[in-house]
Amino acid sequence: GRYLGLGYPGGPAIDRIAMEGDPHAIAFPRAMYNDGLDFSF
């Protein structure tokens, strides 16, 4: 959110603007998607 210039906190700002965008426009990676229950962002 900060990098995109949406301000702080980034969560609510991204939630709001994402409603106007295409969630499939860019194929961002899903790290460790098929590996266990740990996460990496």
PDB file of all heavy atoms in Angstrom:
ATOM      1  N   GLY A   1       0.818  -1.212   0.000  1.00  0.00           N
ATOM      2  CA  GLY A   1       0.000   0.000   0.000  1.00  0.00           C
ATOM      3  C   GLY A   1       0.845   1.252   0.000  1.00  0.00           C
ATOM      4  O   GLY A   1       0.554   2.224  -0.716  1.00  0.00           O
ATOM      5  N   ARG A   2       1.924   1.247   0.785  1.00  0.00           N
ATOM      6  CA  ARG A   2       2.812   2.412   0.832  1.00  0.00           C
ATOM      7  C   ARG A   2       3.520   2.599  -0.514  1.00  0.00           C
ATOM      8  O   ARG A   2       3.634   3.727  -1.014  1.00  0.00           O
ATOM      9  CB  ARG A   2       3.828   2.226   1.961  1.00  0.00           C
ATOM     10  CG  ARG A   2       4.730   3.428   2.174  1.00  0.00           C
ATOM     11  CD  ARG A   2       5.394   3.410   3.544  1.00  0.00           C
ATOM     12  NE  ARG A   2       6.136   2.192   3.797  1.00  0.00           N
ATOM     13  CZ  ARG A   2       5.830   1.316   4.771  1.00  0.00           C
ATOM     14  NH1 ARG A   2       4.800   1.530   5.561  1.00  0.00           N
ATOM     15  NH2 ARG A   2       6.565   0.246   4.961  1.00  0.00           N
ATOM     16  N   TYR A   3       3.969   1.491  -1.125  1.00  0.00           N
ATOM     17  CA  TYR A   3       4.669   1.588  -2.416  1.00  0.00           C
ATOM     18  C   TYR A   3       3.739   2.112  -3.512  1.00  0.00           C
ATOM     19  O   TYR A   3       4.162   2.864  -4.388  1.00  0.00           O
ATOM     20  CB  TYR A   3       5.229   0.221  -2.816  1.00  0.00           C
ATOM     21  CG  TYR A   3       6.005   0.269  -4.111  1.00  0.00           C
ATOM     22  CD1 TYR A   3       7.301   0.794  -4.150  1.00  0.00           C
ATOM     23  CD2 TYR A   3       5.438  -0.168  -5.302  1.00  0.00           C
ATOM     24  CE1 TYR A   3       8.011   0.880  -5.340  1.00  0.00           C
ATOM     25  CE2 TYR A   3       6.134  -0.086  -6.501  1.00  0.00           C
ATOM     26  CZ  TYR A   3       7.418   0.438  -6.509  1.00  0.00           C
ATOM     27  OH  TYR A   3       8.108   0.529  -7.699  1.00  0.00           O
ATOM     28  N   LEU A   4       2.465   1.710  -3.448  1.00  0.00           N
ATOM     29  CA  LEU A   4       1.500   2.149  -4.458  1.00  0.00           C
ATOM     30  C   LEU A   4       0.976   3.562  -4.182  1.00  0.00           C
ATOM     31  O   LEU A   4       0.147   4.077  -4.942  1.00  0.00           O
ATOM     32  CB  LEU A   4       0.326   1.168  -4.520  1.00  0.00           C
ATOM     33  CG  LEU A   4       0.645  -0.254  -5.002  1.00  0.00           C
ATOM     34  CD1 LEU A   4      -0.606  -1.125  -4.958  1.00  0.00           C
ATOM     35  CD2 LEU A   4       1.236  -0.235  -6.401  1.00  0.00           C
ATOM     36  N   GLY A   5       1.439   4.164  -3.092  1.00  0.00           N
ATOM     37  CA  GLY A   5       1.025   5.529  -2.767  1.00  0.00           C
ATOM     38  C   GLY A   5      -0.373   5.628  -2.199  1.00  0.00           C
ATOM     39  O   GLY A   5      -1.029   6.672  -2.298  1.00  0.00           O
ATOM     40  N   LEU A   6      -0.820   4.540  -1.557  1.00  0.00           N
ATOM     41  CA  LEU A   6      -2.182   4.499  -1.013  1.00  0.00           C
ATOM     42  C   LEU A   6      -2.248   4.934   0.442  1.00  0.00           C
ATOM     43  O   LEU A   6      -3.330   5.008   1.025  1.00  0.00           O
ATOM     44  CB  LEU A   6      -2.758   3.084  -1.157  1.00  0.00           C
ATOM     45  CG  LEU A   6      -2.852   2.561  -2.594  1.00  0.00           C
ATOM     46  CD1 LEU A   6      -3.362   1.121  -2.604  1.00  0.00           C
ATOM     47  CD2 LEU A   6      -3.753   3.450  -3.437  1.00  0.00           C
ATOM     48  N   GLY A   7      -1.095   5.200   1.041  1.00  0.00           N
ATOM     49  CA  GLY A   7      -1.082   5.660   2.429  1.00  0.00           C
ATOM     50  C   GLY A   7      -1.077   4.539   3.437  1.00  0.00           C
ATOM     51  O   GLY A   7      -0.960   3.353   3.106  1.00  0.00           O
ATOM     52  N   TYR A   8      -1.177   4.931   4.708  1.00  0.00           N
ATOM     53  CA  TYR A   8      -1.160   3.995   5.834  1.00  0.00           C
ATOM     54  C   TYR A   8      -2.469   4.133   6.621  1.00  0.00           C
ATOM     55  O   TYR A   8      -2.972   5.242   6.795  1.00  0.00           O
ATOM     56  CB  TYR A   8       0.035   4.305   6.753  1.00  0.00           C
ATOM     57  CG  TYR A   8       0.043   3.495   8.022  1.00  0.00           C
ATOM     58  CD1 TYR A   8       0.587   2.221   8.042  1.00  0.00           C
ATOM     59  CD2 TYR A   8      -0.517   4.008   9.202  1.00  0.00           C
ATOM     60  CE1 TYR A   8       0.569   1.462   9.211  1.00  0.00           C
ATOM     61  CE2 TYR A   8      -0.542   3.257  10.364  1.00  0.00           C
ATOM     62  CZ  TYR A   8       0.013   1.987  10.357  1.00  0.00           C
ATOM     63  OH  TYR A   8      -0.005   1.242  11.507  1.00  0.00           O
ATOM     64  N   PRO A   9      -3.050   3.011   7.069  1.00  0.00           N
ATOM     65  CA  PRO A   9      -2.614   1.625   6.866  1.00  0.00           C
ATOM     66  C   PRO A   9      -2.969   1.109   5.476  1.00  0.00           C
ATOM     67  O   PRO A   9      -3.991   1.500   4.899  1.00  0.00           O
ATOM     68  CB  PRO A   9      -3.369   0.870   7.960  1.00  0.00           C
ATOM     69  CG  PRO A   9      -4.602   1.672   8.201  1.00  0.00           C
ATOM     70  CD  PRO A   9      -4.206   3.110   7.988  1.00  0.00           C
ATOM     71  N   GLY A  10      -2.132   0.219   4.963  1.00  0.00           N
ATOM     72  CA  GLY A  10      -2.297  -0.254   3.598  1.00  0.00           C
ATOM     73  C   GLY A  10      -3.462  -1.204   3.392  1.00  0.00           C
ATOM     74  O   GLY A  10      -4.069  -1.216   2.320  1.00  0.00           O
ATOM     75  N   GLY A  11      -3.777  -2.009   4.428  1.00  0.00           N
ATOM     76  CA  GLY A  11      -4.837  -3.004   4.286  1.00  0.00           C
ATOM     77  C   GLY A  11      -6.181  -2.439   3.858  1.00  0.00           C
ATOM     78  O   GLY A  11      -6.732  -2.831   2.823  1.00  0.00           O
ATOM     79  N   PRO A  12      -6.750  -1.510   4.627  1.00  0.00           N
ATOM     80  CA  PRO A  12      -8.042  -0.935   4.243  1.00  0.00           C
ATOM     81  C   PRO A  12      -7.994  -0.203   2.905  1.00  0.00           C
ATOM     82  O   PRO A  12      -8.956  -0.240   2.134  1.00  0.00           O
ATOM     83  CB  PRO A  12      -8.349   0.030   5.398  1.00  0.00           C
ATOM     84  CG  PRO A  12      -7.575  -0.493   6.559  1.00  0.00           C
ATOM     85  CD  PRO A  12      -6.317  -1.047   5.959  1.00  0.00           C
ATOM     86  N   ALA A  13      -6.865   0.458   2.626  1.00  0.00           N
ATOM     87  CA  ALA A  13      -6.742   1.202   1.369  1.00  0.00           C
ATOM     88  C   ALA A  13      -6.746   0.256   0.175  1.00  0.00           C
ATOM     89  O   ALA A  13      -7.418   0.505  -0.840  1.00  0.00           O
ATOM     90  CB  ALA A  13      -5.454   2.036   1.381  1.00  0.00           C
ATOM     91  N   ILE A  14      -5.998  -0.851   0.280  1.00  0.00           N
ATOM     92  CA  ILE A  14      -5.977  -1.835  -0.806  1.00  0.00           C
ATOM     93  C   ILE A  14      -7.345  -2.487  -0.955  1.00  0.00           C
ATOM     94  O   ILE A  14      -7.825  -2.727  -2.065  1.00  0.00           O
ATOM     95  CB  ILE A  14      -4.880  -2.886  -0.545  1.00  0.00           C
ATOM     96  CG1 ILE A  14      -3.497  -2.248  -0.765  1.00  0.00           C
ATOM     97  CG2 ILE A  14      -5.054  -4.105  -1.456  1.00  0.00           C
ATOM     98  CD1 ILE A  14      -2.337  -3.159  -0.444  1.00  0.00           C
ATOM     99  N   ASP A  15      -7.995  -2.783   0.166  1.00  0.00           N
ATOM    100  CA  ASP A  15      -9.334  -3.381   0.132  1.00  0.00           C
ATOM    101  C   ASP A  15     -10.294  -2.497  -0.665  1.00  0.00           C
ATOM    102  O   ASP A  15     -11.075  -2.975  -1.499  1.00  0.00           O
ATOM    103  CB  ASP A  15      -9.833  -3.554   1.572  1.00  0.00           C
ATOM    104  CG  ASP A  15     -11.045  -4.479   1.675  1.00  0.00           C
ATOM    105  OD1 ASP A  15     -11.541  -4.941   0.630  1.00  0.00           O
ATOM    106  OD2 ASP A  15     -11.495  -4.729   2.802  1.00  0.00           O
ATOM    107  N   ARG A  16     -10.227  -1.206  -0.440  1.00  0.00           N
ATOM    108  CA  ARG A  16     -11.139  -0.272  -1.120  1.00  0.00           C
ATOM    109  C   ARG A  16     -10.853  -0.167  -2.614  1.00  0.00           C
ATOM    110  O   ARG A  16     -11.747  -0.319  -3.444  1.00  0.00           O
ATOM    111  CB  ARG A  16     -11.044   1.123  -0.477  1.00  0.00           C
ATOM    112  CG  ARG A  16     -11.725   1.236   0.880  1.00  0.00           C
ATOM    113  CD  ARG A  16     -11.817   2.693   1.307  1.00  0.00           C
ATOM    114  NE  ARG A  16     -10.508   3.305   1.470  1.00  0.00           N
ATOM    115  CZ  ARG A  16      -9.813   3.304   2.603  1.00  0.00           C
ATOM    116  NH1 ARG A  16     -10.303   2.690   3.670  1.00  0.00           N
ATOM    117  NH2 ARG A  16      -8.625   3.895   2.678  1.00  0.00           N
ATOM    118  N   ILE A  17      -9.601   0.081  -2.965  1.00  0.00           N
ATOM    119  CA  ILE A  17      -9.284   0.311  -4.376  1.00  0.00           C
ATOM    120  C   ILE A  17      -9.355  -0.978  -5.185  1.00  0.00           C
ATOM    121  O   ILE A  17      -9.619  -0.946  -6.405  1.00  0.00           O
ATOM    122  CB  ILE A  17      -7.902   0.984  -4.526  1.00  0.00           C
ATOM    123  CG1 ILE A  17      -7.755   1.576  -5.931  1.00  0.00           C
ATOM    124  CG2 ILE A  17      -6.777   0.004  -4.220  1.00  0.00           C
ATOM    125  CD1 ILE A  17      -6.516   2.423  -6.111  1.00  0.00           C
ATOM    126  N   ALA A  18      -9.131  -2.130  -4.538  1.00  0.00           N
ATOM    127  CA  ALA A  18      -9.178  -3.415  -5.245  1.00  0.00           C
ATOM    128  C   ALA A  18     -10.568  -3.690  -5.815  1.00  0.00           C
ATOM    129  O   ALA A  18     -10.709  -4.424  -6.799  1.00  0.00           O
ATOM    130  CB  ALA A  18      -8.758  -4.543  -4.316  1.00  0.00           C
ATOM    131  N   MET A  19     -11.583  -3.099  -5.212  1.00  0.00           N
ATOM    132  CA  MET A  19     -12.949  -3.303  -5.707  1.00  0.00           C
ATOM    133  C   MET A  19     -13.137  -2.713  -7.104  1.00  0.00           C
ATOM    134  O   MET A  19     -14.056  -3.092  -7.828  1.00  0.00           O
ATOM    135  CB  MET A  19     -13.952  -2.674  -4.732  1.00  0.00           C
ATOM    136  CG  MET A  19     -13.994  -3.358  -3.380  1.00  0.00           C
ATOM    137  SD  MET A  19     -15.184  -2.588  -2.251  1.00  0.00           S
ATOM    138  CE  MET A  19     -14.897  -3.543  -0.744  1.00  0.00           C
ATOM    139  N   GLU A  20     -12.251  -1.804  -7.500  1.00  0.00           N
ATOM    140  CA  GLU A  20     -12.341  -1.171  -8.813  1.00  0.00           C
ATOM    141  C   GLU A  20     -11.432  -1.851  -9.838  1.00  0.00           C
ATOM    142  O   GLU A  20     -11.447  -1.485 -11.021  1.00  0.00           O
ATOM    143  CB  GLU A  20     -11.947   0.308  -8.699  1.00  0.00           C
ATOM    144  CG  GLU A  20     -12.748   1.099  -7.675  1.00  0.00           C
ATOM    145  CD  GLU A  20     -12.155   2.469  -7.401  1.00  0.00           C
ATOM    146  OE1 GLU A  20     -11.239   2.875  -8.158  1.00  0.00           O
ATOM    147  OE2 GLU A  20     -12.591   3.124  -6.437  1.00  0.00           O
ATOM    148  N   GLY A  21     -10.628  -2.812  -9.412  1.00  0.00           N
ATOM    149  CA  GLY A  21      -9.649  -3.434 -10.299  1.00  0.00           C
ATOM    150  C   GLY A  21      -9.993  -4.852 -10.707  1.00  0.00           C
ATOM    151  O   GLY A  21     -10.967  -5.446 -10.232  1.00  0.00           O
ATOM    152  N   ASP A  22      -9.155  -5.400 -11.581  1.00  0.00           N
ATOM    153  CA  ASP A  22      -9.298  -6.774 -12.079  1.00  0.00           C
ATOM    154  C   ASP A  22      -8.346  -7.674 -11.305  1.00  0.00           C
ATOM    155  O   ASP A  22      -7.123  -7.556 -11.455  1.00  0.00           O
ATOM    156  CB  ASP A  22      -8.969  -6.804 -13.568  1.00  0.00           C
ATOM    157  CG  ASP A  22      -9.051  -8.213 -14.159  1.00  0.00           C
ATOM    158  OD1 ASP A  22      -9.394  -9.158 -13.413  1.00  0.00           O
ATOM    159  OD2 ASP A  22      -8.765  -8.365 -15.368  1.00  0.00           O
ATOM    160  N   PRO A  23      -8.877  -8.588 -10.481  1.00  0.00           N
ATOM    161  CA  PRO A  23      -8.001  -9.444  -9.671  1.00  0.00           C
ATOM    162  C   PRO A  23      -7.191 -10.449 -10.480  1.00  0.00           C
ATOM    163  O   PRO A  23      -6.282 -11.083  -9.945  1.00  0.00           O
ATOM    164  CB  PRO A  23      -8.984 -10.159  -8.740  1.00  0.00           C
ATOM    165  CG  PRO A  23     -10.281 -10.149  -9.477  1.00  0.00           C
ATOM    166  CD  PRO A  23     -10.303  -8.855 -10.235  1.00  0.00           C
ATOM    167  N   HIS A  24      -7.512 -10.592 -11.763  1.00  0.00           N
ATOM    168  CA  HIS A  24      -6.786 -11.534 -12.618  1.00  0.00           C
ATOM    169  C   HIS A  24      -5.948 -10.821 -13.674  1.00  0.00           C
ATOM    170  O   HIS A  24      -5.444 -11.456 -14.605  1.00  0.00           O
ATOM    171  CB  HIS A  24      -7.788 -12.483 -13.304  1.00  0.00           C
ATOM    172  CG  HIS A  24      -8.700 -13.179 -12.337  1.00  0.00           C
ATOM    173  ND1 HIS A  24      -8.237 -14.101 -11.422  1.00  0.00           N
ATOM    174  CD2 HIS A  24     -10.034 -13.055 -12.117  1.00  0.00           C
ATOM    175  CE1 HIS A  24      -9.251 -14.543 -10.686  1.00  0.00           C
ATOM    176  NE2 HIS A  24     -10.353 -13.913 -11.089  1.00  0.00           N
ATOM    177  N   ALA A  25      -5.773  -9.523 -13.494  1.00  0.00           N
ATOM    178  CA  ALA A  25      -5.007  -8.743 -14.469  1.00  0.00           C
ATOM    179  C   ALA A  25      -3.532  -9.122 -14.454  1.00  0.00           C
ATOM    180  O   ALA A  25      -2.871  -9.126 -15.500  1.00  0.00           O
ATOM    181  CB  ALA A  25      -5.172  -7.249 -14.183  1.00  0.00           C
ATOM    182  N   ILE A  26      -3.006  -9.445 -13.288  1.00  0.00           N
ATOM    183  CA  ILE A  26      -1.580  -9.755 -13.131  1.00  0.00           C
ATOM    184  C   ILE A  26      -1.449 -11.064 -12.362  1.00  0.00           C
ATOM    185  O   ILE A  26      -2.050 -11.228 -11.298  1.00  0.00           O
ATOM    186  CB  ILE A  26      -0.845  -8.634 -12.369  1.00  0.00           C
ATOM    187  CG1 ILE A  26      -1.122  -7.271 -13.032  1.00  0.00           C
ATOM    188  CG2 ILE A  26       0.659  -8.914 -12.318  1.00  0.00           C
ATOM    189  CD1 ILE A  26      -0.869  -6.092 -12.134  1.00  0.00           C
ATOM    190  N   ALA A  27      -0.673 -11.981 -12.899  1.00  0.00           N
ATOM    191  CA  ALA A  27      -0.505 -13.302 -12.264  1.00  0.00           C
ATOM    192  C   ALA A  27       0.639 -13.251 -11.261  1.00  0.00           C
ATOM    193  O   ALA A  27       1.768 -13.687 -11.546  1.00  0.00           O
ATOM    194  CB  ALA A  27      -0.246 -14.364 -13.324  1.00  0.00           C
ATOM    195  N   PHE A  28       0.368 -12.698 -10.073  1.00  0.00           N
ATOM    196  CA  PHE A  28       1.395 -12.647  -9.047  1.00  0.00           C
ATOM    197  C   PHE A  28       1.616 -14.043  -8.448  1.00  0.00           C
ATOM    198  O   PHE A  28       0.687 -14.863  -8.410  1.00  0.00           O
ATOM    199  CB  PHE A  28       1.001 -11.667  -7.950  1.00  0.00           C
ATOM    200  CG  PHE A  28       1.143 -10.221  -8.339  1.00  0.00           C
ATOM    201  CD1 PHE A  28       0.096  -9.320  -8.161  1.00  0.00           C
ATOM    202  CD2 PHE A  28       2.330  -9.748  -8.879  1.00  0.00           C
ATOM    203  CE1 PHE A  28       0.220  -7.986  -8.526  1.00  0.00           C
ATOM    204  CE2 PHE A  28       2.475  -8.411  -9.247  1.00  0.00           C
ATOM    205  CZ  PHE A  28       1.414  -7.540  -9.072  1.00  0.00           C
ATOM    206  N   PRO A  29       2.828 -14.322  -7.956  1.00  0.00           N
ATOM    207  CA  PRO A  29       3.141 -15.662  -7.443  1.00  0.00           C
ATOM    208  C   PRO A  29       2.434 -15.975  -6.126  1.00  0.00           C
ATOM    209  O   PRO A  29       2.101 -15.077  -5.355  1.00  0.00           O
ATOM    210  CB  PRO A  29       4.659 -15.606  -7.249  1.00  0.00           C
ATOM    211  CG  PRO A  29       4.954 -14.154  -7.009  1.00  0.00           C
ATOM    212  CD  PRO A  29       3.989 -13.415  -7.899  1.00  0.00           C
ATOM    213  N   ARG A  30       2.210 -17.276  -5.899  1.00  0.00           N
ATOM    214  CA  ARG A  30       1.669 -17.782  -4.639  1.00  0.00           C
ATOM    215  C   ARG A  30       2.747 -18.664  -4.006  1.00  0.00           C
ATOM    216  O   ARG A  30       2.804 -19.866  -4.263  1.00  0.00           O
ATOM    217  CB  ARG A  30       0.413 -18.621  -4.850  1.00  0.00           C
ATOM    218  CG  ARG A  30      -0.882 -17.815  -4.923  1.00  0.00           C
ATOM    219  CD  ARG A  30      -1.129 -17.300  -6.314  1.00  0.00           C
ATOM    220  NE  ARG A  30      -2.544 -16.944  -6.497  1.00  0.00           N
ATOM    221  CZ  ARG A  30      -2.948 -15.940  -7.257  1.00  0.00           C
ATOM    222  NH1 ARG A  30      -2.061 -15.192  -7.913  1.00  0.00           N
ATOM    223  NH2 ARG A  30      -4.239 -15.689  -7.390  1.00  0.00           N
ATOM    224  N   ALA A  31       3.617 -18.054  -3.203  1.00  0.00           N
ATOM    225  CA  ALA A  31       4.742 -18.796  -2.621  1.00  0.00           C
ATOM    226  C   ALA A  31       4.255 -19.899  -1.687  1.00  0.00           C
ATOM    227  O   ALA A  31       3.312 -19.714  -0.921  1.00  0.00           O
ATOM    228  CB  ALA A  31       5.659 -17.840  -1.863  1.00  0.00           C
ATOM    229  N   MET A  32       4.901 -21.070  -1.774  1.00  0.00           N
ATOM    230  CA  MET A  32       4.630 -22.216  -0.885  1.00  0.00           C
ATOM    231  C   MET A  32       3.172 -22.673  -0.967  1.00  0.00           C
ATOM    232  O   MET A  32       2.651 -23.266  -0.027  1.00  0.00           O
ATOM    233  CB  MET A  32       5.004 -21.866   0.564  1.00  0.00           C
ATOM    234  CG  MET A  32       6.449 -21.426   0.731  1.00  0.00           C
ATOM    235  SD  MET A  32       6.875 -20.973   2.431  1.00  0.00           S
ATOM    236  CE  MET A  32       6.785 -22.583   3.235  1.00  0.00           C
ATOM    237  N   TYR A  33       2.527 -22.414  -2.080  1.00  0.00           N
ATOM    238  CA  TYR A  33       1.097 -22.705  -2.226  1.00  0.00           C
ATOM    239  C   TYR A  33       0.771 -24.175  -1.968  1.00  0.00           C
ATOM    240  O   TYR A  33      -0.225 -24.499  -1.321  1.00  0.00           O
ATOM    241  CB  TYR A  33       0.654 -22.314  -3.638  1.00  0.00           C
ATOM    242  CG  TYR A  33      -0.836 -22.379  -3.873  1.00  0.00           C
ATOM    243  CD1 TYR A  33      -1.672 -21.351  -3.438  1.00  0.00           C
ATOM    244  CD2 TYR A  33      -1.403 -23.454  -4.549  1.00  0.00           C
ATOM    245  CE1 TYR A  33      -3.040 -21.389  -3.664  1.00  0.00           C
ATOM    246  CE2 TYR A  33      -2.778 -23.502  -4.777  1.00  0.00           C
ATOM    247  CZ  TYR A  33      -3.583 -22.475  -4.338  1.00  0.00           C
ATOM    248  OH  TYR A  33      -4.936 -22.525  -4.554  1.00  0.00           O
ATOM    249  N   ASN A  34       1.621 -25.057  -2.471  1.00  0.00           N
ATOM    250  CA  ASN A  34       1.369 -26.491  -2.325  1.00  0.00           C
ATOM    251  C   ASN A  34       2.261 -27.146  -1.277  1.00  0.00           C
ATOM    252  O   ASN A  34       2.320 -28.378  -1.194  1.00  0.00           O
ATOM    253  CB  ASN A  34       1.572 -27.197  -3.680  1.00  0.00           C
ATOM    254  CG  ASN A  34       0.559 -26.738  -4.711  1.00  0.00           C
ATOM    255  OD1 ASN A  34      -0.638 -26.717  -4.457  1.00  0.00           O
ATOM    256  ND2 ASN A  34       1.052 -26.359  -5.897  1.00  0.00           N
ATOM    257  N   ASP A  35       2.954 -26.332  -0.496  1.00  0.00           N
ATOM    258  CA  ASP A  35       3.919 -26.863   0.474  1.00  0.00           C
ATOM    259  C   ASP A  35       3.460 -26.635   1.909  1.00  0.00           C
ATOM    260  O   ASP A  35       3.620 -25.541   2.460  1.00  0.00           O
ATOM    261  CB  ASP A  35       5.289 -26.198   0.273  1.00  0.00           C
ATOM    262  CG  ASP A  35       5.847 -26.434  -1.123  1.00  0.00           C
ATOM    263  OD1 ASP A  35       5.532 -27.477  -1.699  1.00  0.00           O
ATOM    264  OD2 ASP A  35       6.580 -25.565  -1.620  1.00  0.00           O
ATOM    265  N   GLY A  36       2.872 -27.634   2.524  1.00  0.00           N
ATOM    266  CA  GLY A  36       2.553 -27.589   3.940  1.00  0.00           C
ATOM    267  C   GLY A  36       1.613 -26.471   4.331  1.00  0.00           C
ATOM    268  O   GLY A  36       0.764 -26.027   3.558  1.00  0.00           O
ATOM    269  N   LEU A  37       1.797 -25.978   5.560  1.00  0.00           N
ATOM    270  CA  LEU A  37       0.892 -24.983   6.121  1.00  0.00           C
ATOM    271  C   LEU A  37       1.593 -23.674   6.494  1.00  0.00           C
ATOM    272  O   LEU A  37       0.984 -22.800   7.099  1.00  0.00           O
ATOM    273  CB  LEU A  37       0.190 -25.562   7.362  1.00  0.00           C
ATOM    274  CG  LEU A  37      -0.708 -26.787   7.098  1.00  0.00           C
ATOM    275  CD1 LEU A  37      -1.257 -27.341   8.417  1.00  0.00           C
ATOM    276  CD2 LEU A  37      -1.849 -26.442   6.156  1.00  0.00           C
ATOM    277  N   ASP A  38       2.865 -23.547   6.132  1.00  0.00           N
ATOM    278  CA  ASP A  38       3.569 -22.297   6.383  1.00  0.00           C
ATOM    279  C   ASP A  38       3.309 -21.308   5.250  1.00  0.00           C
ATOM    280  O   ASP A  38       2.871 -21.681   4.154  1.00  0.00           O
ATOM    281  CB  ASP A  38       5.074 -22.540   6.529  1.00  0.00           C
ATOM    282  CG  ASP A  38       5.434 -23.186   7.863  1.00  0.00           C
ATOM    283  OD1 ASP A  38       4.668 -22.981   8.836  1.00  0.00           O
ATOM    284  OD2 ASP A  38       6.456 -23.887   7.935  1.00  0.00           O
ATOM    285  N   PHE A  39       3.614 -20.032   5.519  1.00  0.00           N
ATOM    286  CA  PHE A  39       3.346 -18.960   4.569  1.00  0.00           C
ATOM    287  C   PHE A  39       4.626 -18.182   4.258  1.00  0.00           C
ATOM    288  O   PHE A  39       5.566 -18.166   5.048  1.00  0.00           O
ATOM    289  CB  PHE A  39       2.332 -17.966   5.145  1.00  0.00           C
ATOM    290  CG  PHE A  39       1.025 -18.568   5.558  1.00  0.00           C
ATOM    291  CD1 PHE A  39       0.840 -19.073   6.849  1.00  0.00           C
ATOM    292  CD2 PHE A  39      -0.040 -18.630   4.673  1.00  0.00           C
ATOM    293  CE1 PHE A  39      -0.373 -19.618   7.243  1.00  0.00           C
ATOM    294  CE2 PHE A  39      -1.257 -19.172   5.054  1.00  0.00           C
ATOM    295  CZ  PHE A  39      -1.429 -19.671   6.340  1.00  0.00           C
ATOM    296  N   SER A  40       4.625 -17.508   3.103  1.00  0.00           N
ATOM    297  CA  SER A  40       5.703 -16.593   2.750  1.00  0.00           C
ATOM    298  C   SER A  40       5.112 -15.497   1.871  1.00  0.00           C
ATOM    299  O   SER A  40       4.520 -15.780   0.827  1.00  0.00           O
ATOM    300  CB  SER A  40       6.822 -17.325   1.994  1.00  0.00           C
ATOM    301  OG  SER A  40       7.771 -16.399   1.501  1.00  0.00           O
ATOM    302  N   PHE A  41       5.275 -14.240   2.287  1.00  0.00           N
ATOM    303  CA  PHE A  41       4.722 -13.123   1.525  1.00  0.00           C
ATOM    304  C   PHE A  41       5.778 -12.116   1.067  1.00  0.00           C
ATOM    305  O   PHE A  41       5.462 -11.160   0.362  1.00  0.00           O
ATOM    306  CB  PHE A  41       3.657 -12.402   2.360  1.00  0.00           C
ATOM    307  CG  PHE A  41       2.456 -13.258   2.659  1.00  0.00           C
ATOM    308  CD1 PHE A  41       2.249 -13.763   3.944  1.00  0.00           C
ATOM    309  CD2 PHE A  41       1.552 -13.586   1.664  1.00  0.00           C
ATOM    310  CE1 PHE A  41       1.160 -14.555   4.222  1.00  0.00           C
ATOM    311  CE2 PHE A  41       0.452 -14.388   1.928  1.00  0.00           C
ATOM    312  CZ  PHE A  41       0.246 -14.881   3.212  1.00  0.00           C
TER     313      PHE A  41
END
